[in-house]
């Protein structure tokens, strides 16, 4: 889904940016240009960023569970 019409930024591009290290709206603005024209995309960009960060964090916690679970 297109989040920013002015810069043609999709939610997929936001997810990729988060995987690449973006963690704030400022990062998305710098990397993708989100919110630099009319600004109407900022609420949706913020929601997509939040969802991407939550997905990233839940994946990390699943991958890096405590070592005690693997003790023999």
PDB file of N, CA and C in Angstrom:
ATOM      1  N   UNK A   1       0.844  -1.168   0.000  1.00  0.00           N
ATOM      2  CA  UNK A   1       0.000   0.000   0.000  1.00  0.00           C
ATOM      3  C   UNK A   1       0.901   1.246   0.000  1.00  0.00           C
ATOM      4  N   UNK A   2       0.519   2.225  -0.797  1.00  0.00           N
ATOM      5  CA  UNK A   2       1.265   3.474  -0.842  1.00  0.00           C
ATOM      6  C   UNK A   2       0.942   4.291   0.412  1.00  0.00           C
ATOM      7  N   UNK A   3       1.967   4.705   1.107  1.00  0.00           N
ATOM      8  CA  UNK A   3       1.824   5.511   2.314  1.00  0.00           C
ATOM      9  C   UNK A   3       1.985   6.993   1.971  1.00  0.00           C
ATOM     10  N   UNK A   4       2.967   7.309   1.151  1.00  0.00           N
ATOM     11  CA  UNK A   4       3.243   8.692   0.762  1.00  0.00           C
ATOM     12  C   UNK A   4       3.088   8.829  -0.750  1.00  0.00           C
ATOM     13  N   UNK A   5       2.042   9.519  -1.168  1.00  0.00           N
ATOM     14  CA  UNK A   5       1.820   9.722  -2.593  1.00  0.00           C
ATOM     15  C   UNK A   5       2.862  10.645  -3.203  1.00  0.00           C
ATOM     16  N   UNK A   6       3.246  11.668  -2.481  1.00  0.00           N
ATOM     17  CA  UNK A   6       4.195  12.656  -3.015  1.00  0.00           C
ATOM     18  C   UNK A   6       5.529  12.029  -3.396  1.00  0.00           C
ATOM     19  N   UNK A   7       6.002  11.097  -2.567  1.00  0.00           N
ATOM     20  CA  UNK A   7       7.301  10.459  -2.782  1.00  0.00           C
ATOM     21  C   UNK A   7       7.177   9.002  -3.216  1.00  0.00           C
ATOM     22  N   UNK A   8       5.934   8.532  -3.411  1.00  0.00           N
ATOM     23  CA  UNK A   8       5.662   7.156  -3.839  1.00  0.00           C
ATOM     24  C   UNK A   8       6.344   6.135  -2.918  1.00  0.00           C
ATOM     25  N   UNK A   9       6.125   6.290  -1.617  1.00  0.00           N
ATOM     26  CA  UNK A   9       6.705   5.384  -0.620  1.00  0.00           C
ATOM     27  C   UNK A   9       5.618   4.417  -0.154  1.00  0.00           C
ATOM     28  N   UNK A  10       5.944   3.144  -0.177  1.00  0.00           N
ATOM     29  CA  UNK A  10       4.992   2.114   0.242  1.00  0.00           C
ATOM     30  C   UNK A  10       5.307   1.607   1.650  1.00  0.00           C
ATOM     31  N   UNK A  11       4.350   0.895   2.216  1.00  0.00           N
ATOM     32  CA  UNK A  11       4.577   0.283   3.525  1.00  0.00           C
ATOM     33  C   UNK A  11       5.692  -0.754   3.439  1.00  0.00           C
ATOM     34  N   UNK A  12       5.839  -1.389   2.296  1.00  0.00           N
ATOM     35  CA  UNK A  12       6.916  -2.364   2.107  1.00  0.00           C
ATOM     36  C   UNK A  12       8.277  -1.672   2.197  1.00  0.00           C
ATOM     37  N   UNK A  13       8.398  -0.500   1.587  1.00  0.00           N
ATOM     38  CA  UNK A  13       9.657   0.239   1.666  1.00  0.00           C
ATOM     39  C   UNK A  13       9.969   0.644   3.105  1.00  0.00           C
ATOM     40  N   UNK A  14       8.943   0.946   3.869  1.00  0.00           N
ATOM     41  CA  UNK A  14       9.145   1.291   5.278  1.00  0.00           C
ATOM     42  C   UNK A  14       9.639   0.067   6.045  1.00  0.00           C
ATOM     43  N   UNK A  15       9.049  -1.108   5.770  1.00  0.00           N
ATOM     44  CA  UNK A  15       9.515  -2.335   6.429  1.00  0.00           C
ATOM     45  C   UNK A  15      10.979  -2.617   6.083  1.00  0.00           C
ATOM     46  N   UNK A  16      11.347  -2.417   4.833  1.00  0.00           N
ATOM     47  CA  UNK A  16      12.731  -2.633   4.414  1.00  0.00           C
ATOM     48  C   UNK A  16      13.657  -1.636   5.107  1.00  0.00           C
ATOM     49  N   UNK A  17      13.215  -0.390   5.233  1.00  0.00           N
ATOM     50  CA  UNK A  17      14.022   0.621   5.915  1.00  0.00           C
ATOM     51  C   UNK A  17      14.240   0.249   7.381  1.00  0.00           C
ATOM     52  N   UNK A  18      13.214  -0.285   8.029  1.00  0.00           N
ATOM     53  CA  UNK A  18      13.347  -0.718   9.422  1.00  0.00           C
ATOM     54  C   UNK A  18      14.334  -1.888   9.515  1.00  0.00           C
ATOM     55  N   UNK A  19      14.236  -2.818   8.585  1.00  0.00           N
ATOM     56  CA  UNK A  19      15.206  -3.923   8.564  1.00  0.00           C
ATOM     57  C   UNK A  19      16.622  -3.399   8.363  1.00  0.00           C
ATOM     58  N   UNK A  20      16.736  -2.284   7.667  1.00  0.00           N
ATOM     59  CA  UNK A  20      18.038  -1.676   7.422  1.00  0.00           C
ATOM     60  C   UNK A  20      18.523  -0.771   8.542  1.00  0.00           C
ATOM     61  N   UNK A  21      17.723  -0.627   9.603  1.00  0.00           N
ATOM     62  CA  UNK A  21      18.171   0.128  10.764  1.00  0.00           C
ATOM     63  C   UNK A  21      17.359   1.357  11.118  1.00  0.00           C
ATOM     64  N   UNK A  22      16.400   1.746  10.287  1.00  0.00           N
ATOM     65  CA  UNK A  22      15.557   2.907  10.618  1.00  0.00           C
ATOM     66  C   UNK A  22      14.735   2.591  11.866  1.00  0.00           C
ATOM     67  N   UNK A  23      14.670   3.558  12.776  1.00  0.00           N
ATOM     68  CA  UNK A  23      13.913   3.318  14.005  1.00  0.00           C
ATOM     69  C   UNK A  23      13.072   4.514  14.423  1.00  0.00           C
ATOM     70  N   UNK A  24      13.039   5.548  13.589  1.00  0.00           N
ATOM     71  CA  UNK A  24      12.252   6.731  13.924  1.00  0.00           C
ATOM     72  C   UNK A  24      11.673   7.346  12.660  1.00  0.00           C
ATOM     73  N   UNK A  25      10.705   8.206  12.861  1.00  0.00           N
ATOM     74  CA  UNK A  25      10.115   8.925  11.739  1.00  0.00           C
ATOM     75  C   UNK A  25      11.170   9.806  11.073  1.00  0.00           C
ATOM     76  N   UNK A  26      12.068  10.330  11.866  1.00  0.00           N
ATOM     77  CA  UNK A  26      13.165  11.135  11.318  1.00  0.00           C
ATOM     78  C   UNK A  26      14.024  10.303  10.359  1.00  0.00           C
ATOM     79  N   UNK A  27      14.284   9.044  10.723  1.00  0.00           N
ATOM     80  CA  UNK A  27      15.046   8.156   9.844  1.00  0.00           C
ATOM     81  C   UNK A  27      14.316   7.941   8.525  1.00  0.00           C
ATOM     82  N   UNK A  28      12.996   7.724   8.597  1.00  0.00           N
ATOM     83  CA  UNK A  28      12.210   7.524   7.375  1.00  0.00           C
ATOM     84  C   UNK A  28      12.205   8.770   6.510  1.00  0.00           C
ATOM     85  N   UNK A  29      12.132   9.925   7.144  1.00  0.00           N
ATOM     86  CA  UNK A  29      12.158  11.181   6.400  1.00  0.00           C
ATOM     87  C   UNK A  29      13.493  11.339   5.681  1.00  0.00           C
ATOM     88  N   UNK A  30      14.558  11.051   6.388  1.00  0.00           N
ATOM     89  CA  UNK A  30      15.894  11.168   5.796  1.00  0.00           C
ATOM     90  C   UNK A  30      16.109  10.145   4.680  1.00  0.00           C
ATOM     91  N   UNK A  31      15.720   8.901   4.926  1.00  0.00           N
ATOM     92  CA  UNK A  31      16.017   7.817   3.994  1.00  0.00           C
ATOM     93  C   UNK A  31      15.047   7.732   2.822  1.00  0.00           C
ATOM     94  N   UNK A  32      13.760   8.011   3.071  1.00  0.00           N
ATOM     95  CA  UNK A  32      12.738   7.815   2.045  1.00  0.00           C
ATOM     96  C   UNK A  32      12.044   9.097   1.598  1.00  0.00           C
ATOM     97  N   UNK A  33      12.234  10.176   2.325  1.00  0.00           N
ATOM     98  CA  UNK A  33      11.581  11.433   1.974  1.00  0.00           C
ATOM     99  C   UNK A  33      10.154  11.561   2.476  1.00  0.00           C
ATOM    100  N   UNK A  34       9.727  10.644   3.332  1.00  0.00           N
ATOM    101  CA  UNK A  34       8.364  10.664   3.869  1.00  0.00           C
ATOM    102  C   UNK A  34       8.119  11.976   4.626  1.00  0.00           C
ATOM    103  N   UNK A  35       7.016  12.631   4.314  1.00  0.00           N
ATOM    104  CA  UNK A  35       6.622  13.836   5.041  1.00  0.00           C
ATOM    105  C   UNK A  35       7.317  15.112   4.631  1.00  0.00           C
ATOM    106  N   UNK A  36       8.073  15.079   3.558  1.00  0.00           N
ATOM    107  CA  UNK A  36       8.818  16.276   3.166  1.00  0.00           C
ATOM    108  C   UNK A  36       8.048  17.189   2.213  1.00  0.00           C
ATOM    109  N   UNK A  37       6.923  16.730   1.703  1.00  0.00           N
ATOM    110  CA  UNK A  37       6.140  17.581   0.793  1.00  0.00           C
ATOM    111  C   UNK A  37       4.918  18.130   1.525  1.00  0.00           C
ATOM    112  N   UNK A  38       3.821  17.419   1.466  1.00  0.00           N
ATOM    113  CA  UNK A  38       2.579  17.939   2.061  1.00  0.00           C
ATOM    114  C   UNK A  38       2.399  17.532   3.519  1.00  0.00           C
ATOM    115  N   UNK A  39       3.002  16.406   3.924  1.00  0.00           N
ATOM    116  CA  UNK A  39       2.918  15.962   5.306  1.00  0.00           C
ATOM    117  C   UNK A  39       1.693  15.139   5.662  1.00  0.00           C
ATOM    118  N   UNK A  40       0.775  14.949   4.721  1.00  0.00           N
ATOM    119  CA  UNK A  40      -0.443  14.193   5.024  1.00  0.00           C
ATOM    120  C   UNK A  40      -0.185  12.714   5.285  1.00  0.00           C
ATOM    121  N   UNK A  41       0.972  12.232   4.893  1.00  0.00           N
ATOM    122  CA  UNK A  41       1.309  10.822   5.064  1.00  0.00           C
ATOM    123  C   UNK A  41       1.867  10.504   6.445  1.00  0.00           C
ATOM    124  N   UNK A  42       2.207  11.499   7.208  1.00  0.00           N
ATOM    125  CA  UNK A  42       2.912  11.248   8.469  1.00  0.00           C
ATOM    126  C   UNK A  42       2.166  10.329   9.435  1.00  0.00           C
ATOM    127  N   UNK A  43       0.846  10.481   9.636  1.00  0.00           N
ATOM    128  CA  UNK A  43       0.181   9.541  10.550  1.00  0.00           C
ATOM    129  C   UNK A  43       0.262   8.087  10.076  1.00  0.00           C
ATOM    130  N   UNK A  44       0.073   7.853   8.790  1.00  0.00           N
ATOM    131  CA  UNK A  44       0.148   6.483   8.272  1.00  0.00           C
ATOM    132  C   UNK A  44       1.583   5.974   8.281  1.00  0.00           C
ATOM    133  N   UNK A  45       2.539   6.841   7.992  1.00  0.00           N
ATOM    134  CA  UNK A  45       3.951   6.448   8.045  1.00  0.00           C
ATOM    135  C   UNK A  45       4.342   6.069   9.470  1.00  0.00           C
ATOM    136  N   UNK A  46       3.855   6.824  10.431  1.00  0.00           N
ATOM    137  CA  UNK A  46       4.147   6.533  11.834  1.00  0.00           C
ATOM    138  C   UNK A  46       3.541   5.187  12.239  1.00  0.00           C
ATOM    139  N   UNK A  47       2.331   4.904  11.770  1.00  0.00           N
ATOM    140  CA  UNK A  47       1.681   3.616  12.072  1.00  0.00           C
ATOM    141  C   UNK A  47       2.439   2.461  11.421  1.00  0.00           C
ATOM    142  N   UNK A  48       2.873   2.638  10.179  1.00  0.00           N
ATOM    143  CA  UNK A  48       3.634   1.591   9.491  1.00  0.00           C
ATOM    144  C   UNK A  48       4.985   1.370  10.175  1.00  0.00           C
ATOM    145  N   UNK A  49       5.606   2.449  10.610  1.00  0.00           N
ATOM    146  CA  UNK A  49       6.871   2.347  11.338  1.00  0.00           C
ATOM    147  C   UNK A  49       6.681   1.569  12.636  1.00  0.00           C
ATOM    148  N   UNK A  50       5.648   1.912  13.380  1.00  0.00           N
ATOM    149  CA  UNK A  50       5.378   1.237  14.649  1.00  0.00           C
ATOM    150  C   UNK A  50       5.131  -0.251  14.439  1.00  0.00           C
ATOM    151  N   UNK A  51       4.328  -0.600  13.451  1.00  0.00           N
ATOM    152  CA  UNK A  51       4.042  -2.010  13.168  1.00  0.00           C
ATOM    153  C   UNK A  51       5.315  -2.747  12.756  1.00  0.00           C
ATOM    154  N   UNK A  52       6.142  -2.107  11.960  1.00  0.00           N
ATOM    155  CA  UNK A  52       7.390  -2.734  11.516  1.00  0.00           C
ATOM    156  C   UNK A  52       8.357  -2.933  12.671  1.00  0.00           C
ATOM    157  N   UNK A  53       8.430  -1.957  13.563  1.00  0.00           N
ATOM    158  CA  UNK A  53       9.307  -2.087  14.729  1.00  0.00           C
ATOM    159  C   UNK A  53       8.824  -3.199  15.651  1.00  0.00           C
ATOM    160  N   UNK A  54       7.506  -3.307  15.847  1.00  0.00           N
ATOM    161  CA  UNK A  54       6.960  -4.375  16.692  1.00  0.00           C
ATOM    162  C   UNK A  54       7.245  -5.740  16.079  1.00  0.00           C
ATOM    163  N   UNK A  55       7.071  -5.857  14.773  1.00  0.00           N
ATOM    164  CA  UNK A  55       7.334  -7.129  14.100  1.00  0.00           C
ATOM    165  C   UNK A  55       8.811  -7.496  14.216  1.00  0.00           C
ATOM    166  N   UNK A  56       9.685  -6.514  14.045  1.00  0.00           N
ATOM    167  CA  UNK A  56      11.125  -6.747  14.167  1.00  0.00           C
ATOM    168  C   UNK A  56      11.488  -7.203  15.576  1.00  0.00           C
ATOM    169  N   UNK A  57      10.928  -6.528  16.577  1.00  0.00           N
ATOM    170  CA  UNK A  57      11.255  -6.854  17.960  1.00  0.00           C
ATOM    171  C   UNK A  57      10.720  -8.230  18.358  1.00  0.00           C
ATOM    172  N   UNK A  58       9.537  -8.580  17.895  1.00  0.00           N
ATOM    173  CA  UNK A  58       8.993  -9.896  18.243  1.00  0.00           C
ATOM    174  C   UNK A  58       9.784 -10.998  17.549  1.00  0.00           C
ATOM    175  N   UNK A  59      10.267 -10.744  16.344  1.00  0.00           N
ATOM    176  CA  UNK A  59      11.091 -11.723  15.651  1.00  0.00           C
ATOM    177  C   UNK A  59      12.419 -11.898  16.377  1.00  0.00           C
ATOM    178  N   UNK A  60      13.007 -10.797  16.806  1.00  0.00           N
ATOM    179  CA  UNK A  60      14.273 -10.875  17.547  1.00  0.00           C
ATOM    180  C   UNK A  60      14.117 -11.659  18.834  1.00  0.00           C
ATOM    181  N   UNK A  61      13.035 -11.402  19.568  1.00  0.00           N
ATOM    182  CA  UNK A  61      12.852 -12.098  20.834  1.00  0.00           C
ATOM    183  C   UNK A  61      12.612 -13.585  20.605  1.00  0.00           C
ATOM    184  N   UNK A  62      11.995 -13.939  19.489  1.00  0.00           N
ATOM    185  CA  UNK A  62      11.780 -15.357  19.187  1.00  0.00           C
ATOM    186  C   UNK A  62      13.087 -16.034  18.794  1.00  0.00           C
ATOM    187  N   UNK A  63      13.939 -15.305  18.097  1.00  0.00           N
ATOM    188  CA  UNK A  63      15.213 -15.883  17.661  1.00  0.00           C
ATOM    189  C   UNK A  63      16.236 -15.964  18.780  1.00  0.00           C
ATOM    190  N   UNK A  64      16.209 -15.010  19.686  1.00  0.00           N
ATOM    191  CA  UNK A  64      17.210 -14.938  20.741  1.00  0.00           C
ATOM    192  C   UNK A  64      16.590 -15.206  22.109  1.00  0.00           C
ATOM    193  N   UNK A  65      16.007 -16.371  22.234  1.00  0.00           N
ATOM    194  CA  UNK A  65      15.428 -16.740  23.516  1.00  0.00           C
ATOM    195  C   UNK A  65      16.552 -17.124  24.480  1.00  0.00           C
ATOM    196  N   UNK A  66      16.267 -17.126  25.752  1.00  0.00           N
ATOM    197  CA  UNK A  66      17.303 -17.445  26.749  1.00  0.00           C
ATOM    198  C   UNK A  66      17.956 -18.798  26.506  1.00  0.00           C
ATOM    199  N   UNK A  67      19.233 -18.880  26.771  1.00  0.00           N
ATOM    200  CA  UNK A  67      19.994 -20.103  26.541  1.00  0.00           C
ATOM    201  C   UNK A  67      19.535 -21.240  27.440  1.00  0.00           C
ATOM    202  N   UNK A  68      18.889 -20.931  28.552  1.00  0.00           N
ATOM    203  CA  UNK A  68      18.436 -21.971  29.469  1.00  0.00           C
ATOM    204  C   UNK A  68      17.437 -22.927  28.823  1.00  0.00           C
ATOM    205  N   UNK A  69      16.746 -22.474  27.802  1.00  0.00           N
ATOM    206  CA  UNK A  69      15.794 -23.346  27.110  1.00  0.00           C
ATOM    207  C   UNK A  69      16.509 -24.461  26.368  1.00  0.00           C
ATOM    208  N   UNK A  70      17.783 -24.243  26.044  1.00  0.00           N
ATOM    209  CA  UNK A  70      18.521 -25.215  25.266  1.00  0.00           C
ATOM    210  C   UNK A  70      19.503 -26.026  26.105  1.00  0.00           C
ATOM    211  N   UNK A  71      19.483 -25.829  27.403  1.00  0.00           N
ATOM    212  CA  UNK A  71      20.410 -26.550  28.285  1.00  0.00           C
ATOM    213  C   UNK A  71      20.047 -28.034  28.303  1.00  0.00           C
ATOM    214  N   UNK A  72      21.065 -28.847  28.385  1.00  0.00           N
ATOM    215  CA  UNK A  72      20.862 -30.297  28.383  1.00  0.00           C
ATOM    216  C   UNK A  72      21.049 -30.837  29.769  1.00  0.00           C
TER     217      UNK A  72
END
